[in-house]
C-alpha atoms as a PDB file:
ATOM      1  CA  MET A   1      68.488  27.137 138.872  1.00  0.00           C
ATOM      2  CA  VAL A   2      67.212  25.480 142.052  1.00  0.00           C
ATOM      3  CA  ARG A   3      68.608  26.695 145.366  1.00  0.00           C
ATOM      4  CA  ALA A   4      67.833  25.946 149.002  1.00  0.00           C
ATOM      5  CA  LEU A   5      68.121  27.721 152.307  1.00  0.00           C
ATOM      6  CA  PHE A   6      68.124  26.436 155.877  1.00  0.00           C
ATOM      7  CA  GLN A   7      66.177  27.401 158.981  1.00  0.00           C
ATOM      8  CA  ALA A   8      66.179  26.089 162.558  1.00  0.00           C
ATOM      9  CA  ILE A   9      62.936  26.445 164.482  1.00  0.00           C
ATOM     10  CA  LYS A  10      61.441  25.144 167.716  1.00  0.00           C
ATOM     11  CA  ILE A  11      58.348  23.040 168.384  1.00  0.00           C
ATOM     12  CA  PRO A  12      56.534  24.855 171.211  1.00  0.00           C
ATOM     13  CA  GLY A  13      56.071  22.708 174.277  1.00  0.00           C
ATOM     14  CA  ALA A  14      58.411  19.930 173.126  1.00  0.00           C
ATOM     15  CA  THR A  15      61.146  18.695 175.463  1.00  0.00           C
ATOM     16  CA  SER A  16      64.759  19.710 174.793  1.00  0.00           C
ATOM     17  CA  PRO A  17      66.813  18.526 172.963  1.00  0.00           C
ATOM     18  CA  TYR A  18      64.001  17.016 170.877  1.00  0.00           C
ATOM     19  CA  ASP A  19      62.295  20.328 170.199  1.00  0.00           C
ATOM     20  CA  VAL A  20      64.246  21.518 167.158  1.00  0.00           C
ATOM     21  CA  LEU A  21      63.362  21.246 163.475  1.00  0.00           C
ATOM     22  CA  HIS A  22      66.032  21.799 160.826  1.00  0.00           C
ATOM     23  CA  LEU A  23      64.328  22.987 157.643  1.00  0.00           C
ATOM     24  CA  LYS A  24      65.643  22.872 154.101  1.00  0.00           C
ATOM     25  CA  ILE A  25      63.588  25.036 151.746  1.00  0.00           C
ATOM     26  CA  TYR A  26      64.008  24.477 147.990  1.00  0.00           C
ATOM     27  CA  TYR A  27      62.990  27.111 145.454  1.00  0.00           C
ATOM     28  CA  PRO A  28      63.593  28.196 141.854  1.00  0.00           C
ATOM     29  CA  ALA A  29      66.217  30.943 141.878  1.00  0.00           C
ATOM     30  CA  ALA A  30      67.103  33.868 139.615  1.00  0.00           C
ATOM     31  CA  PRO A  31      70.810  34.805 139.886  1.00  0.00           C
ATOM     32  CA  THR A  32      71.748  38.480 139.634  1.00  0.00           C
ATOM     33  CA  ASN A  33      75.503  37.726 139.638  1.00  0.00           C
ATOM     34  CA  SER A  34      76.072  40.201 142.432  1.00  0.00           C
ATOM     35  CA  ASP A  35      79.112  40.205 144.700  1.00  0.00           C
ATOM     36  CA  ALA A  36      76.813  39.397 147.628  1.00  0.00           C
ATOM     37  CA  GLU A  37      75.601  36.242 145.854  1.00  0.00           C
ATOM     38  CA  ARG A  38      79.109  35.122 145.032  1.00  0.00           C
ATOM     39  CA  MET A  39      80.276  35.588 148.627  1.00  0.00           C
ATOM     40  CA  SER A  40      77.241  34.152 150.447  1.00  0.00           C
ATOM     41  CA  GLY A  41      75.774  31.657 147.973  1.00  0.00           C
ATOM     42  CA  VAL A  42      72.347  33.113 148.742  1.00  0.00           C
ATOM     43  CA  ILE A  43      70.406  33.731 145.526  1.00  0.00           C
ATOM     44  CA  PRO A  44      66.937  35.317 145.384  1.00  0.00           C
ATOM     45  CA  ALA A  45      63.910  33.378 144.264  1.00  0.00           C
ATOM     46  CA  ASP A  46      62.759  33.579 140.657  1.00  0.00           C
ATOM     47  CA  LYS A  47      59.592  35.623 141.118  1.00  0.00           C
ATOM     48  CA  SER A  48      58.412  35.352 137.523  1.00  0.00           C
ATOM     49  CA  HIS A  49      55.947  32.726 138.767  1.00  0.00           C
ATOM     50  CA  ALA A  50      55.295  34.310 142.166  1.00  0.00           C
ATOM     51  CA  PRO A  51      53.464  33.853 144.367  1.00  0.00           C
ATOM     52  CA  MET A  52      54.336  30.151 144.206  1.00  0.00           C
ATOM     53  CA  ARG A  53      52.501  27.301 145.902  1.00  0.00           C
ATOM     54  CA  VAL A  54      54.253  25.609 148.811  1.00  0.00           C
ATOM     55  CA  VAL A  55      54.743  21.886 149.421  1.00  0.00           C
ATOM     56  CA  ILE A  56      55.577  20.678 152.936  1.00  0.00           C
ATOM     57  CA  PHE A  57      56.948  17.143 152.673  1.00  0.00           C
ATOM     58  CA  PHE A  58      57.130  14.679 155.582  1.00  0.00           C
ATOM     59  CA  ASN A  59      59.811  11.978 155.589  1.00  0.00           C
ATOM     60  CA  GLY A  60      59.262   8.376 156.521  1.00  0.00           C
ATOM     61  CA  ILE A  61      60.450   7.108 159.901  1.00  0.00           C
ATOM     62  CA  ASN A  62      64.269   6.926 159.910  1.00  0.00           C
ATOM     63  CA  VAL A  63      64.523   8.045 156.278  1.00  0.00           C
ATOM     64  CA  GLY A  64      66.668  11.175 155.939  1.00  0.00           C
ATOM     65  CA  ILE A  65      65.559  14.080 153.767  1.00  0.00           C
ATOM     66  CA  GLU A  66      68.589  13.406 151.536  1.00  0.00           C
ATOM     67  CA  SER A  67      66.614  10.487 150.098  1.00  0.00           C
ATOM     68  CA  TYR A  68      63.946  12.934 148.895  1.00  0.00           C
ATOM     69  CA  HIS A  69      66.334  15.609 147.599  1.00  0.00           C
ATOM     70  CA  TRP A  70      65.709  14.490 144.009  1.00  0.00           C
ATOM     71  CA  LEU A  71      61.957  15.042 144.459  1.00  0.00           C
ATOM     72  CA  ALA A  72      62.384  18.465 146.075  1.00  0.00           C
ATOM     73  CA  VAL A  73      64.487  19.573 143.113  1.00  0.00           C
ATOM     74  CA  LYS A  74      61.895  18.392 140.592  1.00  0.00           C
ATOM     75  CA  LEU A  75      59.085  20.134 142.498  1.00  0.00           C
ATOM     76  CA  ALA A  76      61.113  23.350 142.643  1.00  0.00           C
ATOM     77  CA  GLU A  77      61.718  23.053 138.892  1.00  0.00           C
ATOM     78  CA  ALA A  78      57.898  23.012 138.589  1.00  0.00           C
ATOM     79  CA  ASN A  79      57.789  26.317 140.542  1.00  0.00           C
ATOM     80  CA  LEU A  80      56.757  24.772 143.838  1.00  0.00           C
ATOM     81  CA  VAL A  81      58.603  26.000 146.923  1.00  0.00           C
ATOM     82  CA  THR A  82      59.299  22.748 148.769  1.00  0.00           C
ATOM     83  CA  VAL A  83      60.018  22.348 152.460  1.00  0.00           C
ATOM     84  CA  MET A  84      61.657  19.305 154.014  1.00  0.00           C
ATOM     85  CA  TYR A  85      62.967  19.010 157.541  1.00  0.00           C
ATOM     86  CA  THR A  86      64.953  16.875 159.936  1.00  0.00           C
ATOM     87  CA  HIS A  87      63.530  16.096 163.366  1.00  0.00           C
ATOM     88  CA  VAL A  88      65.169  13.724 165.855  1.00  0.00           C
ATOM     89  CA  ALA A  89      62.816  12.590 168.598  1.00  0.00           C
ATOM     90  CA  GLU A  90      60.884   9.534 169.809  1.00  0.00           C
ATOM     91  CA  THR A  91      59.539   7.372 167.013  1.00  0.00           C
ATOM     92  CA  LEU A  92      58.142   4.901 169.538  1.00  0.00           C
ATOM     93  CA  PRO A  93      58.138   5.200 173.348  1.00  0.00           C
ATOM     94  CA  GLY A  94      61.805   5.107 174.362  1.00  0.00           C
ATOM     95  CA  VAL A  95      63.096   4.836 170.780  1.00  0.00           C
ATOM     96  CA  ILE A  96      64.916   7.833 169.242  1.00  0.00           C
ATOM     97  CA  GLY A  97      65.135   8.337 165.504  1.00  0.00           C
ATOM     98  CA  LEU A  98      64.169  10.489 162.534  1.00  0.00           C
ATOM     99  CA  THR A  99      60.482  11.327 162.630  1.00  0.00           C
ATOM    100  CA  PRO A 100      58.045  13.666 160.897  1.00  0.00           C
ATOM    101  CA  ALA A 101      56.871  14.578 164.439  1.00  0.00           C
ATOM    102  CA  ILE A 102      53.745  12.829 165.680  1.00  0.00           C
ATOM    103  CA  ASP A 103      51.641  13.700 168.708  1.00  0.00           C
ATOM    104  CA  LEU A 104      50.332  10.258 169.685  1.00  0.00           C
ATOM    105  CA  SER A 105      47.950  11.832 172.191  1.00  0.00           C
ATOM    106  CA  LYS A 106      45.975  13.114 169.174  1.00  0.00           C
ATOM    107  CA  VAL A 107      45.873   9.683 167.523  1.00  0.00           C
ATOM    108  CA  LYS A 108      43.574   7.821 169.880  1.00  0.00           C
ATOM    109  CA  PRO A 109      39.945   6.765 169.528  1.00  0.00           C
ATOM    110  CA  ASP A 110      38.706   9.592 171.749  1.00  0.00           C
ATOM    111  CA  THR A 111      41.029  12.333 170.444  1.00  0.00           C
ATOM    112  CA  TYR A 112      41.451  11.832 166.687  1.00  0.00           C
ATOM    113  CA  GLY A 113      39.843  14.718 164.847  1.00  0.00           C
ATOM    114  CA  SER A 114      40.225  17.142 167.735  1.00  0.00           C
ATOM    115  CA  GLY A 115      43.340  18.772 166.303  1.00  0.00           C
ATOM    116  CA  ALA A 116      46.548  18.357 164.345  1.00  0.00           C
ATOM    117  CA  THR A 117      48.521  15.182 165.000  1.00  0.00           C
ATOM    118  CA  CYS A 118      51.769  16.793 163.807  1.00  0.00           C
ATOM    119  CA  PRO A 119      53.134  19.616 166.000  1.00  0.00           C
ATOM    120  CA  ALA A 120      55.669  20.617 163.332  1.00  0.00           C
ATOM    121  CA  ILE A 121      53.216  22.075 160.794  1.00  0.00           C
ATOM    122  CA  GLN A 122      52.231  25.337 162.480  1.00  0.00           C
ATOM    123  CA  PRO A 123      55.828  26.315 163.371  1.00  0.00           C
ATOM    124  CA  ILE A 124      56.842  25.632 159.761  1.00  0.00           C
ATOM    125  CA  LEU A 125      53.996  27.789 158.453  1.00  0.00           C
ATOM    126  CA  ASP A 126      54.983  30.549 160.872  1.00  0.00           C
ATOM    127  CA  SER A 127      58.607  30.393 159.714  1.00  0.00           C
ATOM    128  CA  LEU A 128      57.569  30.552 156.057  1.00  0.00           C
ATOM    129  CA  SER A 129      55.363  33.547 156.780  1.00  0.00           C
ATOM    130  CA  GLN A 130      58.319  35.337 158.334  1.00  0.00           C
ATOM    131  CA  LEU A 131      60.545  34.579 155.331  1.00  0.00           C
ATOM    132  CA  ASN A 132      57.809  35.719 152.959  1.00  0.00           C
ATOM    133  CA  SER A 133      57.529  39.100 154.651  1.00  0.00           C
ATOM    134  CA  ASP A 134      61.220  39.744 155.381  1.00  0.00           C
ATOM    135  CA  GLU A 135      62.706  42.124 152.787  1.00  0.00           C
ATOM    136  CA  LYS A 136      66.144  40.599 153.375  1.00  0.00           C
ATOM    137  CA  SER A 137      64.895  37.055 152.673  1.00  0.00           C
ATOM    138  CA  PRO A 138      65.540  35.508 149.234  1.00  0.00           C
ATOM    139  CA  LEU A 139      61.953  34.269 149.439  1.00  0.00           C
ATOM    140  CA  CYS A 140      60.385  37.648 150.219  1.00  0.00           C
ATOM    141  CA  GLY A 141      57.037  37.828 148.451  1.00  0.00           C
ATOM    142  CA  ALA A 142      57.696  34.560 146.594  1.00  0.00           C
ATOM    143  CA  MET A 143      55.244  32.210 148.341  1.00  0.00           C
ATOM    144  CA  ASP A 144      51.486  31.792 148.222  1.00  0.00           C
ATOM    145  CA  LEU A 145      50.894  30.704 151.808  1.00  0.00           C
ATOM    146  CA  ASN A 146      47.170  30.410 151.157  1.00  0.00           C
ATOM    147  CA  ASN A 147      47.919  27.591 148.742  1.00  0.00           C
ATOM    148  CA  VAL A 148      49.844  24.908 150.635  1.00  0.00           C
ATOM    149  CA  ILE A 149      50.103  21.210 149.786  1.00  0.00           C
ATOM    150  CA  LEU A 150      51.066  18.542 152.295  1.00  0.00           C
ATOM    151  CA  GLY A 151      52.885  15.453 151.056  1.00  0.00           C
ATOM    152  CA  GLY A 152      54.834  12.560 152.472  1.00  0.00           C
ATOM    153  CA  HIS A 153      56.223   9.053 152.287  1.00  0.00           C
ATOM    154  CA  SER A 154      55.228   6.080 154.450  1.00  0.00           C
ATOM    155  CA  ALA A 155      54.557   7.378 157.989  1.00  0.00           C
ATOM    156  CA  GLY A 156      55.166  10.851 156.599  1.00  0.00           C
ATOM    157  CA  GLY A 157      52.390  10.230 154.107  1.00  0.00           C
ATOM    158  CA  THR A 158      50.130   9.242 156.987  1.00  0.00           C
ATOM    159  CA  VAL A 159      51.013  12.499 158.759  1.00  0.00           C
ATOM    160  CA  ALA A 160      50.129  14.465 155.628  1.00  0.00           C
ATOM    161  CA  LEU A 161      46.809  12.661 155.245  1.00  0.00           C
ATOM    162  CA  GLN A 162      45.861  13.086 158.890  1.00  0.00           C
ATOM    163  CA  ASN A 163      46.593  16.813 159.064  1.00  0.00           C
ATOM    164  CA  ALA A 164      45.425  18.471 155.846  1.00  0.00           C
ATOM    165  CA  GLN A 165      41.940  18.854 157.312  1.00  0.00           C
ATOM    166  CA  PHE A 166      43.120  21.071 160.181  1.00  0.00           C
ATOM    167  CA  PHE A 167      44.696  23.876 158.111  1.00  0.00           C
ATOM    168  CA  GLU A 168      42.532  26.111 155.948  1.00  0.00           C
ATOM    169  CA  GLN A 169      45.497  27.146 153.787  1.00  0.00           C
ATOM    170  CA  VAL A 170      46.174  23.517 152.856  1.00  0.00           C
ATOM    171  CA  LYS A 171      44.406  22.847 149.561  1.00  0.00           C
ATOM    172  CA  ALA A 172      45.602  19.333 148.720  1.00  0.00           C
ATOM    173  CA  VAL A 173      47.505  16.352 150.078  1.00  0.00           C
ATOM    174  CA  PHE A 174      49.538  13.531 148.515  1.00  0.00           C
ATOM    175  CA  ALA A 175      51.160  10.424 149.910  1.00  0.00           C
ATOM    176  CA  TYR A 176      53.373   7.648 148.600  1.00  0.00           C
ATOM    177  CA  ALA A 177      52.948   4.378 150.562  1.00  0.00           C
ATOM    178  CA  GLY A 178      50.962   6.233 153.215  1.00  0.00           C
ATOM    179  CA  HIS A 179      47.524   5.404 154.591  1.00  0.00           C
ATOM    180  CA  THR A 180      45.304   6.093 157.606  1.00  0.00           C
ATOM    181  CA  MET A 181      44.651   2.630 158.998  1.00  0.00           C
ATOM    182  CA  ALA A 182      44.904   2.958 162.781  1.00  0.00           C
ATOM    183  CA  SER A 183      47.096   0.867 165.071  1.00  0.00           C
ATOM    184  CA  THR A 184      45.280  -1.436 167.476  1.00  0.00           C
ATOM    185  CA  MET A 185      48.088  -0.628 169.971  1.00  0.00           C
ATOM    186  CA  LEU A 186      46.565   2.874 170.266  1.00  0.00           C
ATOM    187  CA  GLY A 187      43.196   1.402 171.202  1.00  0.00           C
ATOM    188  CA  PHE A 188      41.481   1.324 167.817  1.00  0.00           C
ATOM    189  CA  ALA A 189      39.335  -1.608 166.720  1.00  0.00           C
ATOM    190  CA  PRO A 190      40.856  -3.851 164.021  1.00  0.00           C
ATOM    191  CA  ASN A 191      40.575  -2.498 160.453  1.00  0.00           C
ATOM    192  CA  THR A 192      39.787   1.057 161.560  1.00  0.00           C
ATOM    193  CA  VAL A 193      40.465   3.703 158.914  1.00  0.00           C
ATOM    194  CA  LEU A 194      40.793   7.319 160.065  1.00  0.00           C
ATOM    195  CA  ASN A 195      39.091  10.130 158.202  1.00  0.00           C
ATOM    196  CA  VAL A 196      41.155  12.194 155.762  1.00  0.00           C
ATOM    197  CA  GLY A 197      38.836  15.180 155.301  1.00  0.00           C
ATOM    198  CA  GLY A 198      37.427  16.764 152.164  1.00  0.00           C
ATOM    199  CA  LYS A 199      40.623  18.040 150.496  1.00  0.00           C
ATOM    200  CA  SER A 200      41.951  16.856 147.144  1.00  0.00           C
ATOM    201  CA  VAL A 201      43.936  13.672 147.735  1.00  0.00           C
ATOM    202  CA  LEU A 202      46.511  11.721 145.731  1.00  0.00           C
ATOM    203  CA  LEU A 203      47.391   8.275 147.089  1.00  0.00           C
ATOM    204  CA  MET A 204      50.251   6.443 145.370  1.00  0.00           C
ATOM    205  CA  ARG A 205      51.425   2.902 146.068  1.00  0.00           C
ATOM    206  CA  GLY A 206      53.559   0.202 144.513  1.00  0.00           C
ATOM    207  CA  ASP A 207      52.460  -3.360 143.839  1.00  0.00           C
ATOM    208  CA  ARG A 208      55.784  -4.612 145.316  1.00  0.00           C
ATOM    209  CA  ASP A 209      55.420  -2.977 148.751  1.00  0.00           C
ATOM    210  CA  GLY A 210      56.787  -5.439 151.284  1.00  0.00           C
ATOM    211  CA  VAL A 211      56.813  -2.990 154.215  1.00  0.00           C
ATOM    212  CA  ILE A 212      53.061  -2.315 154.255  1.00  0.00           C
ATOM    213  CA  ALA A 213      52.410  -6.015 153.726  1.00  0.00           C
ATOM    214  CA  ALA A 214      54.577  -6.896 156.725  1.00  0.00           C
ATOM    215  CA  SER A 215      52.952  -4.196 158.876  1.00  0.00           C
ATOM    216  CA  ARG A 216      49.303  -5.201 158.509  1.00  0.00           C
ATOM    217  CA  VAL A 217      49.361  -6.930 161.887  1.00  0.00           C
ATOM    218  CA  ARG A 218      49.518  -3.437 163.447  1.00  0.00           C
ATOM    219  CA  TYR A 219      46.038  -2.684 162.126  1.00  0.00           C
ATOM    220  CA  GLY A 220      44.414  -6.044 162.699  1.00  0.00           C
ATOM    221  CA  ALA A 221      44.524  -6.497 158.931  1.00  0.00           C
ATOM    222  CA  GLU A 222      46.487  -9.673 158.356  1.00  0.00           C
ATOM    223  CA  GLY A 223      46.346 -12.194 155.546  1.00  0.00           C
ATOM    224  CA  ARG A 224      44.413 -11.407 152.383  1.00  0.00           C
ATOM    225  CA  SER A 225      42.769  -8.259 153.648  1.00  0.00           C
ATOM    226  CA  GLN A 226      42.505  -5.191 151.425  1.00  0.00           C
ATOM    227  CA  ASP A 227      45.629  -3.092 150.849  1.00  0.00           C
ATOM    228  CA  PRO A 228      45.675  -0.322 153.500  1.00  0.00           C
ATOM    229  CA  VAL A 229      46.260   2.432 150.920  1.00  0.00           C
ATOM    230  CA  GLU A 230      43.388   1.211 148.763  1.00  0.00           C
ATOM    231  CA  LYS A 231      41.215   0.871 151.871  1.00  0.00           C
ATOM    232  CA  THR A 232      42.052   4.476 152.807  1.00  0.00           C
ATOM    233  CA  PHE A 233      40.948   5.610 149.351  1.00  0.00           C
ATOM    234  CA  ASP A 234      37.719   3.608 149.476  1.00  0.00           C
ATOM    235  CA  GLU A 235      36.672   4.460 153.030  1.00  0.00           C
ATOM    236  CA  ALA A 236      38.447   7.623 154.211  1.00  0.00           C
ATOM    237  CA  CYS A 237      38.609   9.857 151.129  1.00  0.00           C
ATOM    238  CA  GLN A 238      35.390  11.764 150.597  1.00  0.00           C
ATOM    239  CA  PRO A 239      36.393  14.857 148.612  1.00  0.00           C
ATOM    240  CA  SER A 240      34.197  17.925 148.921  1.00  0.00           C
ATOM    241  CA  VAL A 241      32.755  19.777 145.936  1.00  0.00           C
ATOM    242  CA  GLY A 242      35.540  20.923 143.609  1.00  0.00           C
ATOM    243  CA  ASN A 243      38.070  18.417 144.970  1.00  0.00           C
ATOM    244  CA  GLU A 244      39.145  15.008 143.690  1.00  0.00           C
ATOM    245  CA  ALA A 245      40.683  11.850 145.133  1.00  0.00           C
ATOM    246  CA  TYR A 246      43.009   9.440 143.306  1.00  0.00           C
ATOM    247  CA  ASP A 247      44.357   5.988 144.085  1.00  0.00           C
ATOM    248  CA  VAL A 248      47.339   5.284 141.829  1.00  0.00           C
ATOM    249  CA  LEU A 249      48.919   1.822 141.742  1.00  0.00           C
ATOM    250  CA  ILE A 250      52.401   1.916 140.196  1.00  0.00           C
ATOM    251  CA  GLU A 251      53.408  -1.403 138.703  1.00  0.00           C
ATOM    252  CA  GLY A 252      56.834  -2.683 139.674  1.00  0.00           C
ATOM    253  CA  ALA A 253      57.361  -0.157 142.503  1.00  0.00           C
ATOM    254  CA  ASN A 254      58.078  -1.044 146.119  1.00  0.00           C
ATOM    255  CA  HIS A 255      57.785   0.869 149.415  1.00  0.00           C
ATOM    256  CA  PHE A 256      61.059   2.760 148.962  1.00  0.00           C
ATOM    257  CA  ALA A 257      60.784   3.526 145.238  1.00  0.00           C
ATOM    258  CA  ILE A 258      60.461   7.212 146.167  1.00  0.00           C
ATOM    259  CA  ALA A 259      63.647   7.227 148.286  1.00  0.00           C
ATOM    260  CA  HIS A 260      66.986   7.723 146.487  1.00  0.00           C
ATOM    261  CA  PRO A 261      69.654   7.191 147.509  1.00  0.00           C
ATOM    262  CA  LEU A 262      68.346   4.924 150.234  1.00  0.00           C
ATOM    263  CA  ASP A 263      70.318   4.747 153.477  1.00  0.00           C
ATOM    264  CA  GLU A 264      70.229   1.021 154.246  1.00  0.00           C
ATOM    265  CA  THR A 265      71.650   1.453 157.754  1.00  0.00           C
ATOM    266  CA  THR A 266      68.299   2.688 159.101  1.00  0.00           C
ATOM    267  CA  GLY A 267      64.616   2.088 158.508  1.00  0.00           C
ATOM    268  CA  ARG A 268      62.977  -1.184 157.476  1.00  0.00           C
ATOM    269  CA  PHE A 269      64.128  -1.549 153.885  1.00  0.00           C
ATOM    270  CA  PHE A 270      64.893  -5.233 154.536  1.00  0.00           C
ATOM    271  CA  LEU A 271      61.141  -5.955 154.545  1.00  0.00           C
ATOM    272  CA  ASP A 272      60.661  -4.646 151.018  1.00  0.00           C
ATOM    273  CA  MET A 273      60.338  -6.565 147.753  1.00  0.00           C
ATOM    274  CA  GLU A 274      62.543  -6.161 144.705  1.00  0.00           C
ATOM    275  CA  MET A 275      61.392  -3.670 142.088  1.00  0.00           C
ATOM    276  CA  THR A 276      60.692  -4.963 138.590  1.00  0.00           C
ATOM    277  CA  ARG A 277      61.002  -1.778 136.537  1.00  0.00           C
ATOM    278  CA  ASN A 278      63.679   0.857 135.945  1.00  0.00           C
ATOM    279  CA  VAL A 279      63.974   2.728 139.232  1.00  0.00           C
ATOM    280  CA  GLU A 280      64.795   6.147 137.760  1.00  0.00           C
ATOM    281  CA  GLU A 281      61.862   5.838 135.395  1.00  0.00           C
ATOM    282  CA  MET A 282      59.536   5.167 138.318  1.00  0.00           C
ATOM    283  CA  ARG A 283      60.886   8.100 140.321  1.00  0.00           C
ATOM    284  CA  ASN A 284      60.323  10.421 137.399  1.00  0.00           C
ATOM    285  CA  GLN A 285      56.816   9.030 137.092  1.00  0.00           C
ATOM    286  CA  ILE A 286      56.112   9.685 140.775  1.00  0.00           C
ATOM    287  CA  ALA A 287      57.219  13.314 140.365  1.00  0.00           C
ATOM    288  CA  GLU A 288      55.123  13.730 137.224  1.00  0.00           C
ATOM    289  CA  LEU A 289      52.048  12.335 138.989  1.00  0.00           C
ATOM    290  CA  ILE A 290      52.506  14.742 141.907  1.00  0.00           C
ATOM    291  CA  VAL A 291      52.947  17.794 139.683  1.00  0.00           C
ATOM    292  CA  ALA A 292      49.956  16.847 137.499  1.00  0.00           C
ATOM    293  CA  PHE A 293      47.826  16.422 140.619  1.00  0.00           C
ATOM    294  CA  ILE A 294      48.868  19.783 142.091  1.00  0.00           C
ATOM    295  CA  GLU A 295      48.294  21.548 138.775  1.00  0.00           C
ATOM    296  CA  LYS A 296      44.882  19.858 138.448  1.00  0.00           C
ATOM    297  CA  LYS A 297      45.847  18.094 135.248  1.00  0.00           C
ATOM    298  CA  GLU A 298      44.929  14.538 134.311  1.00  0.00           C
ATOM    299  CA  VAL A 299      46.606  12.025 136.609  1.00  0.00           C
ATOM    300  CA  ARG A 300      47.679   9.117 134.419  1.00  0.00           C
ATOM    301  CA  GLY A 301      50.723   7.292 133.102  1.00  0.00           C
ATOM    302  CA  LYS A 302      52.176   4.149 131.630  1.00  0.00           C
ATOM    303  CA  ASN A 303      52.272   1.099 133.927  1.00  0.00           C
ATOM    304  CA  VAL A 304      49.893   2.678 136.440  1.00  0.00           C
ATOM    305  CA  VAL A 305      46.313   1.883 137.428  1.00  0.00           C
ATOM    306  CA  VAL A 306      44.290   4.938 138.439  1.00  0.00           C
ATOM    307  CA  LYS A 307      41.040   5.082 140.374  1.00  0.00           C
ATOM    308  CA  LYS A 308      39.319   8.426 140.853  1.00  0.00           C
ATOM    309  CA  LYS A 309      36.375   9.888 142.723  1.00  0.00           C
END
């Protein structure tokens, strides 16, 4: 059984009302069939695999966490406590939407590398620590908070890639359709790729990604220039001893292959290309690739091209 619980936490220093994160924490549960469970719906974690690794997943801009629910369930079924969250704030100056939370002051040529670019991570880690130590929490003693994985989609994947290096407890990072090419609007030179750090990295991308293709102008990378995800793998991923980096090209997948169901009233889905393979099959493949990577098994599959270093 997979269950989830909710938390509401604040981002220190953020401006109200855009300072609140609403967390949804998925975990494998072990029902005791008690009256308390039947009345509250709160079921304790299955601790037969405790302490369990923790995945913090960052959504794409204006993509609700409901579109990643399927993935959170599959990760929880693999005994990974998985955290997703909703944050409404500025996505661009003066534009309000769903965002993984980005501190643009830390993503400039003279500031990148000086600290975390996502102000949500530390408050989330603090909240998880509290749940892990609270005897009344269904997750008490269930999480290995020294073994955290960051993951994300699109801009959320970029957030994951940018921030793994700043947290010692983060051991690995994965991204679907995420890269670290820097926007020239922030003052970076064209074709700049930002460092990822020495953690284990899994980059996944589809060969039908119309959103990244349409966005290359942001990075001074128009025309026939190298795919930004592939360029991130080649130039920004330098794994340290004991770590590995993968670039996985999934044939037939587009930018939103990971998002289901997709809310077509928000985001930039209209830039994407049609997928050419069974969508459910590709989603299952994405989940299998992520779990294999986290468990340090061979990352491979049908209809995928894998590069490793």
